[in-house]
Protein backbone atom coordinates (compact mmCIF):
# COMPACT_ATOMS: atom_id res chain seq x y z
CA MET A 1 91.96 114.46 65.20
CA ILE A 2 92.95 114.45 68.87
CA SER A 3 96.36 116.02 69.42
CA ASN A 4 99.14 114.48 71.51
CA GLU A 5 98.92 117.45 73.88
CA HIS A 6 95.23 116.75 74.42
CA ILE A 7 95.96 113.08 75.16
CA LEU A 8 98.78 113.99 77.57
CA TYR A 9 96.50 116.46 79.36
CA ALA A 10 93.83 113.78 79.86
CA LEU A 11 96.43 111.27 81.08
CA LEU A 12 97.90 113.74 83.57
CA LEU A 13 94.44 114.54 84.95
CA THR A 14 93.76 110.84 85.42
CA LEU A 15 97.17 110.26 87.01
CA GLY A 16 96.62 113.11 89.46
CA ALA A 17 93.22 111.72 90.45
CA GLY A 18 94.69 108.26 91.00
CA LEU A 19 97.65 109.43 93.05
CA SER A 20 95.34 111.20 95.48
CA THR A 21 95.12 107.87 97.30
CA GLY A 22 98.53 108.86 98.64
CA ILE A 23 96.93 111.90 100.30
CA GLY A 24 94.54 109.62 102.16
CA SER A 25 97.39 107.39 103.21
CA ALA A 26 99.34 110.38 104.51
CA ILE A 27 96.27 111.55 106.44
CA ALA A 28 96.02 108.14 108.08
CA PHE A 29 99.65 108.36 109.19
CA PHE A 30 99.90 111.97 110.32
CA ALA A 31 96.44 113.43 111.01
CA ARG A 32 95.11 113.30 114.58
CA PRO A 33 92.21 113.23 114.99
CA THR A 34 90.15 112.53 111.86
CA ASN A 35 87.84 115.40 110.99
CA LYS A 36 84.78 113.29 110.28
CA SER A 37 82.49 116.21 109.47
CA LEU A 38 84.90 117.56 106.88
CA LEU A 39 85.39 114.11 105.37
CA SER A 40 81.63 113.56 105.26
CA PHE A 41 81.11 116.92 103.54
CA ALA A 42 83.92 116.21 101.03
CA LEU A 43 82.48 112.81 100.12
CA GLY A 44 79.04 114.34 99.68
CA LEU A 45 80.58 117.11 97.56
CA SER A 46 82.25 114.54 95.32
CA GLY A 47 78.99 112.60 94.99
CA GLY A 48 77.06 115.75 94.12
CA VAL A 49 79.57 116.68 91.43
CA MET A 50 79.41 113.21 89.91
CA VAL A 51 75.61 112.92 89.90
CA TYR A 52 75.13 116.39 88.45
CA VAL A 53 77.74 115.90 85.73
CA ALA A 54 76.42 112.43 84.90
CA PHE A 55 72.82 113.53 84.31
CA VAL A 56 73.21 117.13 83.16
CA GLU A 57 76.29 116.84 80.96
CA LEU A 58 77.39 113.31 80.05
CA PHE A 59 73.99 111.66 79.61
CA GLN A 60 72.58 114.59 77.66
CA GLU A 61 75.67 114.86 75.45
CA ALA A 62 75.55 111.14 74.74
CA LYS A 63 71.83 111.35 73.93
CA VAL A 64 72.29 114.24 71.49
CA GLY A 65 75.18 112.45 69.77
CA LEU A 66 73.36 109.14 69.41
CA GLN A 67 70.12 110.80 68.29
CA GLY A 68 72.14 112.59 65.63
CA VAL A 69 73.23 109.21 64.26
CA TYR A 70 70.13 107.05 64.83
CA GLY A 71 67.26 109.52 65.24
CA HIS A 72 65.03 110.17 68.24
CA PRO A 73 63.63 106.76 69.28
CA LEU A 74 66.71 104.60 68.67
CA GLY A 75 69.19 107.25 69.85
CA SER A 76 67.36 107.59 73.17
CA LEU A 77 67.13 103.81 73.53
CA TYR A 78 70.86 103.28 72.90
CA THR A 79 71.69 106.03 75.38
CA ALA A 80 69.61 104.38 78.09
CA LEU A 81 71.06 100.94 77.33
CA ALA A 82 74.63 102.26 77.50
CA PHE A 83 73.85 104.09 80.74
CA PHE A 84 72.54 100.96 82.45
CA GLY A 85 75.36 98.97 80.84
CA GLY A 86 77.82 101.18 82.71
CA ILE A 87 75.92 100.58 85.94
CA LEU A 88 75.94 96.82 85.28
CA LEU A 89 79.70 96.85 84.62
CA ILE A 90 80.67 98.66 87.81
CA GLY A 91 78.06 96.69 89.76
CA LEU A 92 79.61 93.39 88.63
CA ILE A 93 83.06 94.64 89.57
CA ASP A 94 81.75 95.63 92.98
CA ARG A 95 80.19 92.20 93.47
CA LEU A 96 83.45 90.46 92.59
CA VAL A 97 85.21 92.20 95.49
CA PRO A 98 84.71 90.20 98.72
CA SER A 99 82.73 92.27 101.22
CA VAL A 100 85.30 91.73 103.99
CA GLU A 101 87.88 93.45 101.82
CA ASN A 102 85.58 96.06 100.32
CA PRO A 103 87.56 99.32 100.39
CA HIS A 104 84.57 101.56 100.86
CA GLU A 105 83.92 100.70 104.49
CA PRO A 106 84.61 103.82 106.58
CA HIS A 107 88.01 104.01 108.29
CA THR A 108 89.55 106.64 110.52
CA ALA A 109 93.11 107.74 111.18
CA GLU A 110 92.74 106.66 114.80
CA GLU A 111 92.78 103.03 113.69
CA MET A 112 96.49 103.45 113.00
CA ASP A 113 97.05 103.37 116.76
CA ARG A 114 96.36 99.65 116.78
CA LYS A 115 99.31 97.42 117.46
CA PRO A 116 100.43 95.61 114.27
CA ARG A 117 99.66 91.89 114.30
CA ASN A 118 100.96 88.78 112.60
CA PRO A 119 102.51 89.30 109.13
CA LYS A 120 100.06 86.69 107.80
CA LEU A 121 97.54 89.51 107.71
CA MET A 122 99.55 90.90 104.79
CA ARG A 123 97.27 88.94 102.47
CA MET A 124 94.26 90.84 103.78
CA GLY A 125 96.06 94.14 103.22
CA LEU A 126 97.10 93.20 99.69
CA MET A 127 93.57 92.12 98.86
CA THR A 128 92.31 95.48 100.06
CA ALA A 129 94.81 97.23 97.79
CA LEU A 130 93.73 94.97 94.92
CA ALA A 131 90.09 95.81 95.60
CA ILE A 132 90.90 99.52 95.37
CA ALA A 133 92.75 98.95 92.08
CA ILE A 134 89.78 97.04 90.62
CA HIS A 135 87.39 99.83 91.59
CA ASN A 136 89.72 102.54 90.30
CA PHE A 137 90.17 101.01 86.85
CA PRO A 138 86.79 102.04 85.36
CA GLU A 139 87.09 105.40 87.13
CA GLY A 140 90.31 106.01 85.20
CA ILE A 141 88.55 105.23 81.92
CA ALA A 142 85.70 107.59 82.86
CA THR A 143 88.05 110.46 83.74
CA PHE A 144 90.18 110.00 80.63
CA ILE A 145 87.31 109.76 78.13
CA THR A 146 85.56 112.78 79.66
CA ALA A 147 88.77 114.85 79.58
CA LEU A 148 89.31 113.95 75.92
CA GLU A 149 85.80 115.02 74.96
CA ASP A 150 85.66 118.14 77.17
CA PRO A 151 88.92 119.23 78.91
CA ALA A 152 87.16 121.66 81.27
CA LEU A 153 84.64 119.01 82.33
CA GLY A 154 87.53 116.57 82.69
CA VAL A 155 89.03 118.80 85.39
CA ALA A 156 85.78 118.68 87.37
CA ILE A 157 85.56 114.89 87.06
CA ALA A 158 89.22 114.45 88.04
CA ALA A 159 88.68 116.65 91.10
CA ALA A 160 85.61 114.66 92.16
CA VAL A 161 87.43 111.35 91.69
CA ALA A 162 90.45 112.69 93.61
CA ILE A 163 88.24 113.62 96.58
CA HIS A 164 86.69 110.16 96.38
CA ASN A 165 90.14 108.52 96.38
CA ILE A 166 91.40 110.23 99.55
CA PRO A 167 89.36 108.07 101.98
CA GLU A 168 90.19 105.06 99.81
CA GLY A 169 93.86 105.77 100.55
CA VAL A 170 93.01 105.66 104.24
CA ALA A 171 91.15 102.37 103.71
CA VAL A 172 94.16 100.79 101.98
CA SER A 173 96.93 102.04 104.26
CA ILE A 174 95.29 101.07 107.55
CA PRO A 175 94.96 97.30 106.84
CA LEU A 176 98.44 97.19 105.29
CA TYR A 177 100.02 98.89 108.28
CA TYR A 178 97.95 96.73 110.60
CA ALA A 179 99.31 93.67 108.78
CA THR A 180 102.99 94.64 108.50
CA GLY A 181 103.74 97.36 111.02
CA ASN A 182 105.61 99.15 108.22
CA ARG A 183 104.27 102.62 107.49
CA ARG A 184 106.39 103.16 104.38
CA LYS A 185 105.32 99.88 102.80
CA ALA A 186 101.67 100.66 103.53
CA PHE A 187 102.07 104.11 101.97
CA ARG A 188 103.78 102.76 98.82
CA LEU A 189 101.17 100.06 98.24
CA SER A 190 98.35 102.53 98.87
CA LEU A 191 99.85 104.90 96.32
CA LEU A 192 100.38 102.05 93.86
CA SER A 193 96.71 101.02 94.05
CA GLY A 194 95.79 104.46 92.70
CA LEU A 195 97.83 103.83 89.54
CA ALA A 196 95.00 101.62 88.31
CA GLU A 197 93.30 104.82 87.16
CA PRO A 198 95.98 105.94 84.67
CA ALA A 199 96.26 102.27 83.65
CA GLY A 200 92.55 102.35 82.81
CA ALA A 201 93.12 105.57 80.87
CA LEU A 202 95.91 103.99 78.81
CA LEU A 203 93.77 100.95 78.10
CA ALA A 204 90.91 103.21 76.97
CA TRP A 205 93.25 105.05 74.62
CA TRP A 206 94.90 101.97 73.12
CA PHE A 207 91.67 100.05 72.50
CA LEU A 208 88.98 102.70 72.08
CA ALA A 209 90.81 105.49 70.22
CA PRO A 210 91.36 103.54 66.95
CA LEU A 211 87.64 102.70 66.91
CA LEU A 212 86.36 106.08 68.08
CA SER A 213 83.21 107.11 66.23
CA PRO A 214 80.10 109.17 67.11
CA THR A 215 78.34 105.96 68.11
CA LEU A 216 81.16 104.64 70.30
CA LEU A 217 81.74 108.05 71.86
CA GLY A 218 78.04 108.47 72.69
CA CYS A 219 77.78 104.98 74.20
CA THR A 220 80.99 105.51 76.17
CA LEU A 221 79.80 108.83 77.62
CA ALA A 222 76.46 107.28 78.63
CA ALA A 223 78.24 104.30 80.21
CA VAL A 224 80.58 106.68 82.06
CA ALA A 225 77.50 108.50 83.38
CA GLY A 226 76.13 105.20 84.66
CA ILE A 227 79.44 104.33 86.33
CA MET A 228 79.56 107.70 88.08
CA VAL A 229 75.97 107.47 89.31
CA PHE A 230 76.59 103.98 90.72
CA ILE A 231 79.79 105.08 92.46
CA SER A 232 77.96 108.02 94.01
CA LEU A 233 74.92 106.09 95.21
CA ASP A 234 76.69 102.90 96.26
CA GLU A 235 79.95 104.24 97.69
CA LEU A 236 80.27 107.98 98.20
CA LEU A 237 76.93 108.91 99.73
CA PRO A 238 76.63 105.92 102.13
CA ALA A 239 80.24 106.48 103.28
CA ALA A 240 79.57 110.19 103.74
CA ARG A 241 76.63 109.40 106.02
CA GLU A 242 78.71 106.91 108.00
CA TYR A 243 81.53 109.40 108.61
CA GLY A 244 79.31 112.24 109.85
CA GLU A 245 75.80 113.47 110.35
CA ALA A 246 73.37 112.88 107.49
CA HIS A 247 72.74 116.59 107.03
CA THR A 248 76.46 117.26 106.58
CA ALA A 249 76.61 114.77 103.73
CA ILE A 250 73.53 116.29 102.06
CA TYR A 251 74.98 119.78 102.38
CA GLY A 252 78.05 118.46 100.57
CA VAL A 253 75.91 116.92 97.81
CA VAL A 254 73.99 120.14 97.21
CA SER A 255 77.20 122.19 97.33
CA GLY A 256 78.84 119.89 94.78
CA MET A 257 75.88 120.23 92.43
CA ALA A 258 75.80 124.01 92.86
CA ILE A 259 79.54 124.33 92.22
CA MET A 260 79.27 122.23 89.06
CA ALA A 261 76.22 124.17 87.85
CA ALA A 262 78.03 127.48 88.35
CA SER A 263 81.27 126.32 86.78
CA LEU A 264 79.54 124.84 83.73
CA LEU A 265 77.53 128.04 83.34
CA PHE A 266 80.68 130.15 83.32
CA LEU A 267 82.58 127.69 81.12
CA GLY A 268 79.67 127.46 78.70
């Protein structure tokens, strides 16, 4: 039986990860100039954490759980199917977002120096915020479910997602400011887009918790692993390379993996 304190803890972790979009928005408004090398390293770090956790922890835990229910051949098969199901889900979501409004194109704080244009561009800014919210929704589910199953691992996932969300906050706030000329409105809408993550967590709790079983938990963990791998390979690592030198991004990836390996070793 999962306690209310455990649920609240998972929700707060997810909320904190989602609200980190506000940090990115603040950076866009106040930071001059953008430290591209640091941002590239941070994105690589986040990707390394996610890939390592997905394959070493989540996938393996899901496989053990499903093999315990269905045996070796079927348990392994269901784990793989759930993993690729998670990739398919986040891939479909990514395809539904128009490329011109895709929030994972690199942006810098210097773009805020542009002169605001016609308010009709507000639609473009709102669509960018909506795109962020759509992408953040499954991330919220992933963070919440992981934190429920393993609170310590949940902290690592929340931290990786938070790092990932900082440049997304930049990506949201710049078009909104460019459309309206209103920094406060751009900041509020950027922050609001991050609330899709706790919304995803609440949805996961309301709909999945009453049905939670070893089978559902195993499939969910495997799907979460697939979502995290897709996010890393499709969003974090390409963006990290765009922001800085390729080696800087790789150093971040390896550092993220090493940090996770060390932390899991000590926690275990």
